[in-house]
Amino acid sequence: YIKGDAQGNWVFLAHALGAGLVALGGVLQLVPAIRKHAPRFHRWNGRVFMATVMVLSLSGFYLEWIRDDPPTTLSGYATTINGVLILTFAYLAYRTARARQFAVHRQWAVYLFLVSNAQWFTRVGLFGYLVTCKLLGIGTDSVGTFFGFWKFGAFLVPLFVAWLYLRSTHRGPVFKAGVAALI
């Protein structure tokens, strides 16, 4: 909340509320039974999901580059790169679905789901870091450094693990076991 910035405050509120819609709608897209038994719902929910993440990505650009000063930290650039990935993966998921390339669509849709939930991964990673520091008796003086790194990690690590997972279906049992252990 910034006093006197009604437009920015409304954009931030819509952005934050939309994140809940994205989290719920995205999870529903991943349920195989819904895809199989309710394909019409899957298509419409997917369209709503994609439209919402694209609007949230654009509002995120507004919040990062216009409402605040343009980013001067790694965190701001990470948020921008994440937004570009959201728009790119949304386009690729939509294009492959329209072309009825469902195996490829599934990959792009999984990537889109992960980058769209990077803020959730950011919070999980940050709280995990703080809990680990506490358990090990280490001070949290380096939380700023970790946060700068993890803003990239919050979308790159899930993307890498998903890439490995999707590739594991074509690999041997040792590779599959390694990916399962990593997950």
N, C-alpha and C. Protein backbone atom coordinates (compact mmCIF):
# COMPACT_ATOMS: atom_id res chain seq x y z
N TYR A 1 0.84 -1.18 0.00
CA TYR A 1 0.00 0.00 0.00
C TYR A 1 0.88 1.24 0.00
N ILE A 2 0.63 2.11 -0.92
CA ILE A 2 1.33 3.38 -0.98
C ILE A 2 0.27 4.48 -0.92
N LYS A 3 0.35 5.30 0.10
CA LYS A 3 -0.61 6.36 0.30
C LYS A 3 -0.61 7.30 -0.91
N GLY A 4 -1.81 7.59 -1.40
CA GLY A 4 -1.95 8.52 -2.53
C GLY A 4 -1.81 7.87 -3.90
N ASP A 5 -1.54 6.58 -3.96
CA ASP A 5 -1.39 5.88 -5.24
C ASP A 5 -2.54 4.90 -5.42
N ALA A 6 -3.73 5.45 -5.64
CA ALA A 6 -4.93 4.61 -5.75
C ALA A 6 -4.81 3.61 -6.90
N GLN A 7 -4.36 4.09 -8.06
CA GLN A 7 -4.24 3.21 -9.22
C GLN A 7 -3.26 2.07 -8.91
N GLY A 8 -2.10 2.38 -8.42
CA GLY A 8 -1.10 1.36 -8.10
C GLY A 8 -1.59 0.40 -7.03
N ASN A 9 -2.30 0.91 -6.04
CA ASN A 9 -2.83 0.05 -4.98
C ASN A 9 -3.88 -0.92 -5.52
N TRP A 10 -4.74 -0.44 -6.43
CA TRP A 10 -5.74 -1.32 -7.03
C TRP A 10 -5.07 -2.38 -7.91
N VAL A 11 -4.06 -1.97 -8.65
CA VAL A 11 -3.34 -2.95 -9.48
C VAL A 11 -2.70 -4.00 -8.59
N PHE A 12 -2.08 -3.57 -7.50
CA PHE A 12 -1.46 -4.52 -6.59
C PHE A 12 -2.49 -5.47 -5.99
N LEU A 13 -3.64 -4.93 -5.57
CA LEU A 13 -4.70 -5.78 -4.99
C LEU A 13 -5.19 -6.80 -6.01
N ALA A 14 -5.45 -6.36 -7.23
CA ALA A 14 -5.91 -7.29 -8.28
C ALA A 14 -4.84 -8.33 -8.58
N HIS A 15 -3.59 -7.89 -8.58
CA HIS A 15 -2.47 -8.80 -8.83
C HIS A 15 -2.40 -9.87 -7.75
N ALA A 16 -2.53 -9.48 -6.51
CA ALA A 16 -2.45 -10.42 -5.39
C ALA A 16 -3.64 -11.38 -5.38
N LEU A 17 -4.84 -10.87 -5.62
CA LEU A 17 -6.02 -11.73 -5.64
C LEU A 17 -5.99 -12.68 -6.84
N GLY A 18 -5.50 -12.20 -7.95
CA GLY A 18 -5.40 -13.06 -9.14
C GLY A 18 -4.46 -14.23 -8.93
N ALA A 19 -3.47 -14.06 -8.07
CA ALA A 19 -2.53 -15.15 -7.79
C ALA A 19 -3.24 -16.35 -7.20
N GLY A 20 -4.25 -16.12 -6.38
CA GLY A 20 -5.03 -17.23 -5.83
C GLY A 20 -5.80 -17.97 -6.91
N LEU A 21 -6.37 -17.22 -7.84
CA LEU A 21 -7.08 -17.82 -8.96
C LEU A 21 -6.13 -18.66 -9.81
N VAL A 22 -4.93 -18.15 -10.03
CA VAL A 22 -3.93 -18.87 -10.81
C VAL A 22 -3.53 -20.17 -10.11
N ALA A 23 -3.31 -20.10 -8.81
CA ALA A 23 -2.90 -21.30 -8.07
C ALA A 23 -3.97 -22.38 -8.17
N LEU A 24 -5.22 -22.03 -7.95
CA LEU A 24 -6.31 -23.00 -8.00
C LEU A 24 -6.54 -23.50 -9.42
N GLY A 25 -6.67 -22.58 -10.36
CA GLY A 25 -6.93 -22.97 -11.74
C GLY A 25 -5.81 -23.80 -12.34
N GLY A 26 -4.58 -23.48 -11.98
CA GLY A 26 -3.44 -24.23 -12.50
C GLY A 26 -3.40 -25.66 -11.98
N VAL A 27 -3.70 -25.84 -10.72
CA VAL A 27 -3.72 -27.19 -10.14
C VAL A 27 -4.80 -28.02 -10.81
N LEU A 28 -5.96 -27.43 -11.04
CA LEU A 28 -7.04 -28.17 -11.70
C LEU A 28 -6.64 -28.62 -13.11
N GLN A 29 -5.81 -27.84 -13.77
CA GLN A 29 -5.35 -28.20 -15.11
C GLN A 29 -4.47 -29.45 -15.10
N LEU A 30 -3.82 -29.71 -13.99
CA LEU A 30 -2.87 -30.82 -13.91
C LEU A 30 -3.52 -32.15 -13.52
N VAL A 31 -4.78 -32.14 -13.14
CA VAL A 31 -5.46 -33.36 -12.68
C VAL A 31 -5.86 -34.20 -13.90
N PRO A 32 -5.26 -35.40 -14.06
CA PRO A 32 -5.57 -36.21 -15.24
C PRO A 32 -7.05 -36.58 -15.36
N ALA A 33 -7.72 -36.84 -14.26
CA ALA A 33 -9.14 -37.22 -14.32
C ALA A 33 -9.98 -36.08 -14.89
N ILE A 34 -9.64 -34.86 -14.58
CA ILE A 34 -10.39 -33.72 -15.14
C ILE A 34 -10.14 -33.62 -16.63
N ARG A 35 -8.88 -33.76 -17.03
CA ARG A 35 -8.58 -33.70 -18.47
C ARG A 35 -9.32 -34.79 -19.23
N LYS A 36 -9.42 -35.99 -18.62
CA LYS A 36 -10.03 -37.13 -19.30
C LYS A 36 -11.56 -37.06 -19.30
N HIS A 37 -12.15 -36.75 -18.15
CA HIS A 37 -13.60 -36.82 -18.01
C HIS A 37 -14.33 -35.49 -18.20
N ALA A 38 -13.60 -34.40 -18.16
CA ALA A 38 -14.22 -33.09 -18.34
C ALA A 38 -13.37 -32.23 -19.27
N PRO A 39 -13.21 -32.66 -20.51
CA PRO A 39 -12.31 -31.93 -21.43
C PRO A 39 -12.77 -30.50 -21.71
N ARG A 40 -14.09 -30.29 -21.72
CA ARG A 40 -14.59 -28.92 -21.96
C ARG A 40 -14.17 -28.02 -20.80
N PHE A 41 -14.34 -28.49 -19.56
CA PHE A 41 -13.90 -27.72 -18.40
C PHE A 41 -12.39 -27.46 -18.48
N HIS A 42 -11.62 -28.48 -18.86
CA HIS A 42 -10.17 -28.33 -18.98
C HIS A 42 -9.82 -27.23 -19.98
N ARG A 43 -10.49 -27.23 -21.12
CA ARG A 43 -10.21 -26.20 -22.14
C ARG A 43 -10.55 -24.81 -21.63
N TRP A 44 -11.74 -24.64 -21.03
CA TRP A 44 -12.15 -23.32 -20.57
C TRP A 44 -11.34 -22.86 -19.36
N ASN A 45 -11.06 -23.77 -18.45
CA ASN A 45 -10.23 -23.42 -17.31
C ASN A 45 -8.82 -23.04 -17.79
N GLY A 46 -8.33 -23.75 -18.78
CA GLY A 46 -7.02 -23.42 -19.34
C GLY A 46 -6.99 -22.04 -19.97
N ARG A 47 -8.05 -21.70 -20.66
CA ARG A 47 -8.13 -20.36 -21.27
C ARG A 47 -8.17 -19.28 -20.20
N VAL A 48 -8.97 -19.51 -19.16
CA VAL A 48 -9.04 -18.54 -18.06
C VAL A 48 -7.68 -18.45 -17.36
N PHE A 49 -7.06 -19.60 -17.14
CA PHE A 49 -5.74 -19.64 -16.50
C PHE A 49 -4.73 -18.83 -17.32
N MET A 50 -4.67 -19.10 -18.62
CA MET A 50 -3.70 -18.40 -19.47
C MET A 50 -3.97 -16.90 -19.53
N ALA A 51 -5.23 -16.52 -19.66
CA ALA A 51 -5.55 -15.09 -19.70
C ALA A 51 -5.17 -14.43 -18.38
N THR A 52 -5.45 -15.12 -17.28
CA THR A 52 -5.14 -14.55 -15.96
C THR A 52 -3.65 -14.40 -15.76
N VAL A 53 -2.86 -15.42 -16.11
CA VAL A 53 -1.42 -15.30 -15.90
C VAL A 53 -0.81 -14.25 -16.81
N MET A 54 -1.37 -14.07 -18.00
CA MET A 54 -0.84 -13.03 -18.88
C MET A 54 -1.16 -11.64 -18.31
N VAL A 55 -2.38 -11.45 -17.82
CA VAL A 55 -2.73 -10.16 -17.20
C VAL A 55 -1.88 -9.92 -15.96
N LEU A 56 -1.70 -10.96 -15.14
CA LEU A 56 -0.87 -10.81 -13.94
C LEU A 56 0.59 -10.52 -14.30
N SER A 57 1.06 -11.12 -15.35
CA SER A 57 2.42 -10.84 -15.79
C SER A 57 2.56 -9.37 -16.21
N LEU A 58 1.61 -8.90 -16.97
CA LEU A 58 1.65 -7.49 -17.41
C LEU A 58 1.48 -6.54 -16.22
N SER A 59 0.60 -6.89 -15.28
CA SER A 59 0.47 -6.03 -14.09
C SER A 59 1.73 -6.09 -13.25
N GLY A 60 2.40 -7.25 -13.25
CA GLY A 60 3.69 -7.34 -12.55
C GLY A 60 4.74 -6.43 -13.17
N PHE A 61 4.74 -6.36 -14.50
CA PHE A 61 5.66 -5.42 -15.16
C PHE A 61 5.35 -3.99 -14.74
N TYR A 62 4.08 -3.66 -14.68
CA TYR A 62 3.68 -2.31 -14.25
C TYR A 62 4.19 -2.05 -12.83
N LEU A 63 3.93 -3.00 -11.92
CA LEU A 63 4.34 -2.82 -10.53
C LEU A 63 5.86 -2.74 -10.39
N GLU A 64 6.57 -3.50 -11.19
CA GLU A 64 8.03 -3.56 -11.08
C GLU A 64 8.72 -2.38 -11.77
N TRP A 65 8.22 -1.98 -12.94
CA TRP A 65 8.93 -1.00 -13.75
C TRP A 65 8.34 0.41 -13.72
N ILE A 66 7.05 0.54 -13.43
CA ILE A 66 6.42 1.86 -13.50
C ILE A 66 6.05 2.37 -12.11
N ARG A 67 5.35 1.56 -11.34
CA ARG A 67 4.93 2.01 -10.02
C ARG A 67 6.15 2.27 -9.14
N ASP A 68 7.06 1.32 -9.11
CA ASP A 68 8.32 1.51 -8.38
C ASP A 68 9.34 2.06 -9.36
N ASP A 69 10.49 2.39 -8.85
CA ASP A 69 11.59 2.76 -9.74
C ASP A 69 11.98 1.53 -10.55
N PRO A 70 12.47 1.73 -11.76
CA PRO A 70 12.93 0.56 -12.52
C PRO A 70 13.92 -0.26 -11.68
N PRO A 71 13.89 -1.58 -11.86
CA PRO A 71 14.72 -2.43 -11.00
C PRO A 71 16.20 -2.12 -11.13
N THR A 72 16.86 -2.17 -10.00
CA THR A 72 18.31 -1.99 -9.97
C THR A 72 18.94 -3.18 -9.26
N THR A 73 18.14 -4.15 -8.87
CA THR A 73 18.65 -5.32 -8.17
C THR A 73 18.38 -6.57 -8.98
N LEU A 74 19.07 -7.65 -8.62
CA LEU A 74 18.83 -8.93 -9.28
C LEU A 74 17.38 -9.37 -9.11
N SER A 75 16.80 -9.08 -7.96
CA SER A 75 15.43 -9.47 -7.68
C SER A 75 14.47 -8.88 -8.71
N GLY A 76 14.64 -7.62 -9.02
CA GLY A 76 13.76 -6.97 -10.01
C GLY A 76 13.93 -7.56 -11.40
N TYR A 77 15.16 -7.86 -11.77
CA TYR A 77 15.40 -8.47 -13.08
C TYR A 77 14.87 -9.90 -13.12
N ALA A 78 14.99 -10.62 -12.02
CA ALA A 78 14.46 -11.98 -11.96
C ALA A 78 12.95 -11.97 -12.15
N THR A 79 12.27 -11.02 -11.51
CA THR A 79 10.83 -10.90 -11.65
C THR A 79 10.46 -10.61 -13.11
N THR A 80 11.23 -9.78 -13.77
CA THR A 80 10.98 -9.43 -15.17
C THR A 80 11.19 -10.64 -16.07
N ILE A 81 12.28 -11.37 -15.86
CA ILE A 81 12.53 -12.56 -16.67
C ILE A 81 11.42 -13.59 -16.46
N ASN A 82 10.99 -13.74 -15.21
CA ASN A 82 9.89 -14.67 -14.92
C ASN A 82 8.63 -14.25 -15.69
N GLY A 83 8.34 -12.96 -15.73
CA GLY A 83 7.17 -12.48 -16.47
C GLY A 83 7.28 -12.76 -17.96
N VAL A 84 8.47 -12.59 -18.52
CA VAL A 84 8.68 -12.89 -19.94
C VAL A 84 8.48 -14.39 -20.19
N LEU A 85 8.98 -15.23 -19.28
CA LEU A 85 8.78 -16.67 -19.42
C LEU A 85 7.30 -17.04 -19.34
N ILE A 86 6.56 -16.39 -18.46
CA ILE A 86 5.12 -16.65 -18.35
C ILE A 86 4.45 -16.36 -19.69
N LEU A 87 4.71 -15.20 -20.26
CA LEU A 87 4.09 -14.84 -21.54
C LEU A 87 4.51 -15.80 -22.65
N THR A 88 5.78 -16.17 -22.67
CA THR A 88 6.30 -17.08 -23.70
C THR A 88 5.67 -18.47 -23.58
N PHE A 89 5.65 -19.02 -22.36
CA PHE A 89 5.10 -20.36 -22.18
C PHE A 89 3.59 -20.38 -22.41
N ALA A 90 2.90 -19.30 -22.06
CA ALA A 90 1.45 -19.22 -22.32
C ALA A 90 1.20 -19.28 -23.82
N TYR A 91 1.97 -18.53 -24.57
CA TYR A 91 1.84 -18.54 -26.03
C TYR A 91 2.11 -19.94 -26.59
N LEU A 92 3.19 -20.57 -26.14
CA LEU A 92 3.56 -21.88 -26.66
C LEU A 92 2.55 -22.95 -26.26
N ALA A 93 2.03 -22.88 -25.04
CA ALA A 93 1.02 -23.85 -24.61
C ALA A 93 -0.26 -23.68 -25.43
N TYR A 94 -0.65 -22.45 -25.65
CA TYR A 94 -1.86 -22.18 -26.44
C TYR A 94 -1.67 -22.63 -27.89
N ARG A 95 -0.55 -22.27 -28.47
CA ARG A 95 -0.28 -22.60 -29.88
C ARG A 95 -0.27 -24.11 -30.10
N THR A 96 0.38 -24.86 -29.20
CA THR A 96 0.45 -26.31 -29.38
C THR A 96 -0.90 -26.98 -29.10
N ALA A 97 -1.70 -26.42 -28.20
CA ALA A 97 -3.05 -26.97 -27.97
C ALA A 97 -3.91 -26.77 -29.20
N ARG A 98 -3.84 -25.57 -29.78
CA ARG A 98 -4.63 -25.28 -30.98
C ARG A 98 -4.21 -26.17 -32.15
N ALA A 99 -2.92 -26.52 -32.19
CA ALA A 99 -2.41 -27.39 -33.25
C ALA A 99 -2.65 -28.87 -32.92
N ARG A 100 -3.30 -29.14 -31.79
CA ARG A 100 -3.61 -30.49 -31.33
C ARG A 100 -2.35 -31.33 -31.12
N GLN A 101 -1.27 -30.67 -30.74
CA GLN A 101 -0.01 -31.35 -30.37
C GLN A 101 -0.01 -31.49 -28.85
N PHE A 102 -0.83 -32.40 -28.34
CA PHE A 102 -1.11 -32.45 -26.92
C PHE A 102 0.08 -32.88 -26.06
N ALA A 103 0.96 -33.73 -26.58
CA ALA A 103 2.14 -34.11 -25.80
C ALA A 103 3.06 -32.91 -25.60
N VAL A 104 3.24 -32.13 -26.64
CA VAL A 104 4.09 -30.93 -26.53
C VAL A 104 3.36 -29.87 -25.71
N HIS A 105 2.05 -29.75 -25.91
CA HIS A 105 1.25 -28.81 -25.12
C HIS A 105 1.41 -29.08 -23.63
N ARG A 106 1.37 -30.34 -23.25
CA ARG A 106 1.49 -30.71 -21.84
C ARG A 106 2.80 -30.19 -21.25
N GLN A 107 3.88 -30.32 -22.00
CA GLN A 107 5.18 -29.83 -21.51
C GLN A 107 5.15 -28.33 -21.28
N TRP A 108 4.67 -27.58 -22.28
CA TRP A 108 4.63 -26.12 -22.15
C TRP A 108 3.67 -25.70 -21.03
N ALA A 109 2.58 -26.44 -20.87
CA ALA A 109 1.61 -26.13 -19.81
C ALA A 109 2.22 -26.37 -18.43
N VAL A 110 2.99 -27.43 -18.28
CA VAL A 110 3.66 -27.69 -16.99
C VAL A 110 4.65 -26.56 -16.69
N TYR A 111 5.43 -26.18 -17.70
CA TYR A 111 6.38 -25.07 -17.50
C TYR A 111 5.65 -23.78 -17.14
N LEU A 112 4.53 -23.53 -17.81
CA LEU A 112 3.74 -22.33 -17.52
C LEU A 112 3.23 -22.36 -16.08
N PHE A 113 2.71 -23.49 -15.65
CA PHE A 113 2.23 -23.62 -14.28
C PHE A 113 3.35 -23.30 -13.28
N LEU A 114 4.54 -23.82 -13.53
CA LEU A 114 5.64 -23.62 -12.59
C LEU A 114 6.10 -22.16 -12.54
N VAL A 115 6.30 -21.54 -13.69
CA VAL A 115 6.75 -20.14 -13.66
C VAL A 115 5.66 -19.22 -13.15
N SER A 116 4.39 -19.60 -13.36
CA SER A 116 3.29 -18.78 -12.85
C SER A 116 3.19 -18.83 -11.33
N ASN A 117 3.76 -19.85 -10.74
CA ASN A 117 3.73 -20.00 -9.29
C ASN A 117 5.10 -19.73 -8.66
N ALA A 118 5.94 -18.99 -9.35
CA ALA A 118 7.28 -18.71 -8.83
C ALA A 118 7.25 -17.93 -7.52
N GLN A 119 6.25 -17.09 -7.33
CA GLN A 119 6.18 -16.35 -6.07
C GLN A 119 5.92 -17.29 -4.90
N TRP A 120 5.16 -18.35 -5.15
CA TRP A 120 4.96 -19.36 -4.11
C TRP A 120 6.27 -20.07 -3.82
N PHE A 121 7.01 -20.46 -4.87
CA PHE A 121 8.31 -21.09 -4.68
C PHE A 121 9.28 -20.13 -3.98
N THR A 122 9.16 -18.84 -4.25
CA THR A 122 10.00 -17.85 -3.58
C THR A 122 9.76 -17.90 -2.08
N ARG A 123 8.52 -17.90 -1.68
CA ARG A 123 8.19 -17.92 -0.25
C ARG A 123 8.60 -19.23 0.41
N VAL A 124 8.35 -20.34 -0.26
CA VAL A 124 8.75 -21.64 0.30
C VAL A 124 10.27 -21.69 0.47
N GLY A 125 11.00 -21.26 -0.54
CA GLY A 125 12.46 -21.27 -0.46
C GLY A 125 12.98 -20.35 0.63
N LEU A 126 12.41 -19.16 0.73
CA LEU A 126 12.86 -18.20 1.74
C LEU A 126 12.58 -18.72 3.15
N PHE A 127 11.39 -19.22 3.38
CA PHE A 127 11.08 -19.75 4.72
C PHE A 127 11.89 -21.01 5.01
N GLY A 128 12.13 -21.82 4.00
CA GLY A 128 13.00 -22.99 4.17
C GLY A 128 14.41 -22.58 4.55
N TYR A 129 14.90 -21.52 3.93
CA TYR A 129 16.23 -21.00 4.25
C TYR A 129 16.27 -20.51 5.70
N LEU A 130 15.25 -19.75 6.09
CA LEU A 130 15.22 -19.22 7.46
C LEU A 130 15.13 -20.34 8.50
N VAL A 131 14.31 -21.35 8.23
CA VAL A 131 14.19 -22.48 9.15
C VAL A 131 15.51 -23.24 9.23
N THR A 132 16.14 -23.45 8.10
CA THR A 132 17.43 -24.16 8.08
C THR A 132 18.48 -23.39 8.87
N CYS A 133 18.53 -22.08 8.67
CA CYS A 133 19.47 -21.25 9.44
C CYS A 133 19.21 -21.39 10.93
N LYS A 134 17.97 -21.35 11.32
CA LYS A 134 17.60 -21.47 12.73
C LYS A 134 18.01 -22.83 13.28
N LEU A 135 17.73 -23.90 12.55
CA LEU A 135 18.06 -25.25 13.01
C LEU A 135 19.57 -25.46 13.13
N LEU A 136 20.32 -24.85 12.23
CA LEU A 136 21.77 -25.01 12.24
C LEU A 136 22.46 -23.99 13.14
N GLY A 137 21.69 -23.08 13.70
CA GLY A 137 22.27 -22.06 14.57
C GLY A 137 23.06 -21.01 13.82
N ILE A 138 22.72 -20.84 12.55
CA ILE A 138 23.40 -19.85 11.71
C ILE A 138 22.56 -18.58 11.71
N GLY A 139 23.19 -17.45 11.76
CA GLY A 139 22.46 -16.19 11.69
C GLY A 139 21.86 -15.99 10.31
N THR A 140 20.90 -15.14 10.24
CA THR A 140 20.21 -14.87 8.97
C THR A 140 20.73 -13.59 8.32
N ASP A 141 21.98 -13.25 8.60
CA ASP A 141 22.57 -12.04 8.02
C ASP A 141 22.63 -12.10 6.49
N SER A 142 22.72 -13.30 5.96
CA SER A 142 22.88 -13.45 4.51
C SER A 142 21.55 -13.63 3.79
N VAL A 143 20.44 -13.34 4.46
CA VAL A 143 19.13 -13.56 3.83
C VAL A 143 18.98 -12.71 2.56
N GLY A 144 19.53 -11.53 2.52
CA GLY A 144 19.44 -10.69 1.33
C GLY A 144 20.15 -11.32 0.15
N THR A 145 21.31 -11.88 0.39
CA THR A 145 22.06 -12.56 -0.67
C THR A 145 21.30 -13.78 -1.15
N PHE A 146 20.80 -14.57 -0.20
CA PHE A 146 20.03 -15.75 -0.59
C PHE A 146 18.80 -15.34 -1.39
N PHE A 147 18.09 -14.31 -0.95
CA PHE A 147 16.88 -13.88 -1.63
C PHE A 147 17.18 -13.46 -3.06
N GLY A 148 18.28 -12.73 -3.27
CA GLY A 148 18.66 -12.32 -4.62
C GLY A 148 18.90 -13.52 -5.52
N PHE A 149 19.56 -14.54 -4.98
CA PHE A 149 19.80 -15.77 -5.73
C PHE A 149 18.49 -16.53 -5.95
N TRP A 150 17.69 -16.66 -4.89
CA TRP A 150 16.51 -17.49 -4.95
C TRP A 150 15.41 -16.91 -5.83
N LYS A 151 15.39 -15.61 -6.07
CA LYS A 151 14.40 -15.04 -6.98
C LYS A 151 14.56 -15.65 -8.37
N PHE A 152 15.79 -16.00 -8.75
CA PHE A 152 16.02 -16.73 -10.00
C PHE A 152 15.73 -18.22 -9.79
N GLY A 153 16.20 -18.75 -8.68
CA GLY A 153 16.02 -20.16 -8.38
C GLY A 153 14.56 -20.56 -8.28
N ALA A 154 13.70 -19.64 -7.87
CA ALA A 154 12.29 -19.95 -7.66
C ALA A 154 11.58 -20.33 -8.95
N PHE A 155 12.12 -19.93 -10.10
CA PHE A 155 11.53 -20.41 -11.35
C PHE A 155 12.48 -21.31 -12.13
N LEU A 156 13.80 -21.11 -11.98
CA LEU A 156 14.74 -21.95 -12.72
C LEU A 156 14.86 -23.36 -12.16
N VAL A 157 14.87 -23.50 -10.84
CA VAL A 157 14.98 -24.84 -10.23
C VAL A 157 13.74 -25.68 -10.57
N PRO A 158 12.51 -25.19 -10.35
CA PRO A 158 11.35 -26.01 -10.75
C PRO A 158 11.33 -26.34 -12.25
N LEU A 159 11.75 -25.39 -13.10
CA LEU A 159 11.79 -25.66 -14.54
C LEU A 159 12.79 -26.77 -14.85
N PHE A 160 13.94 -26.73 -14.22
CA PHE A 160 14.96 -27.76 -14.46
C PHE A 160 14.47 -29.13 -13.99
N VAL A 161 13.88 -29.17 -12.81
CA VAL A 161 13.37 -30.45 -12.29
C VAL A 161 12.24 -30.97 -13.19
N ALA A 162 11.36 -30.10 -13.65
CA ALA A 162 10.29 -30.52 -14.55
C ALA A 162 10.86 -31.03 -15.86
N TRP A 163 11.87 -30.35 -16.37
CA TRP A 163 12.53 -30.78 -17.61
C TRP A 163 13.10 -32.18 -17.43
N LEU A 164 13.78 -32.40 -16.31
CA LEU A 164 14.33 -33.74 -16.04
C LEU A 164 13.21 -34.77 -15.95
N TYR A 165 12.14 -34.42 -15.23
CA TYR A 165 11.00 -35.34 -15.07
C TYR A 165 10.41 -35.70 -16.43
N LEU A 166 10.16 -34.72 -17.26
CA LEU A 166 9.56 -34.98 -18.56
C LEU A 166 10.49 -35.81 -19.45
N ARG A 167 11.79 -35.64 -19.29
CA ARG A 167 12.75 -36.43 -20.06
C ARG A 167 12.90 -37.84 -19.50
N SER A 168 12.56 -38.03 -18.23
CA SER A 168 12.76 -39.34 -17.60
C SER A 168 11.86 -40.42 -18.18
N THR A 169 10.77 -40.03 -18.81
CA THR A 169 9.88 -41.04 -19.38
C THR A 169 10.53 -41.78 -20.54
N HIS A 170 11.58 -41.22 -21.10
CA HIS A 170 12.27 -41.84 -22.24
C HIS A 170 13.63 -42.41 -21.84
N ARG A 171 13.89 -42.49 -20.56
CA ARG A 171 15.20 -42.94 -20.07
C ARG A 171 15.07 -44.24 -19.28
N GLY A 172 16.22 -44.75 -18.89
CA GLY A 172 16.27 -46.01 -18.15
C GLY A 172 15.91 -45.84 -16.69
N PRO A 173 15.87 -46.97 -15.97
CA PRO A 173 15.44 -46.96 -14.56
C PRO A 173 16.37 -46.17 -13.64
N VAL A 174 17.66 -46.14 -13.93
CA VAL A 174 18.59 -45.41 -13.06
C VAL A 174 18.33 -43.91 -13.16
N PHE A 175 18.13 -43.41 -14.38
CA PHE A 175 17.82 -41.99 -14.56
C PHE A 175 16.50 -41.65 -13.88
N LYS A 176 15.48 -42.50 -14.08
CA LYS A 176 14.18 -42.27 -13.45
C LYS A 176 14.30 -42.24 -11.92
N ALA A 177 15.08 -43.16 -11.37
CA ALA A 177 15.26 -43.20 -9.90
C ALA A 177 15.96 -41.94 -9.42
N GLY A 178 16.94 -41.45 -10.19
CA GLY A 178 17.64 -40.22 -9.81
C GLY A 178 16.71 -39.02 -9.82
N VAL A 179 15.86 -38.92 -10.84
CA VAL A 179 14.92 -37.82 -10.92
C VAL A 179 13.90 -37.91 -9.79
N ALA A 180 13.43 -39.13 -9.49
CA ALA A 180 12.48 -39.30 -8.39
C ALA A 180 13.11 -38.88 -7.07
N ALA A 181 14.38 -39.23 -6.87
CA ALA A 181 15.07 -38.82 -5.63
C ALA A 181 15.21 -37.31 -5.56
N LEU A 182 15.50 -36.67 -6.68
CA LEU A 182 15.64 -35.21 -6.72
C LEU A 182 14.31 -34.53 -6.39
N ILE A 183 13.23 -35.05 -6.96
CA ILE A 183 11.91 -34.46 -6.69
C ILE A 183 11.57 -34.63 -5.22
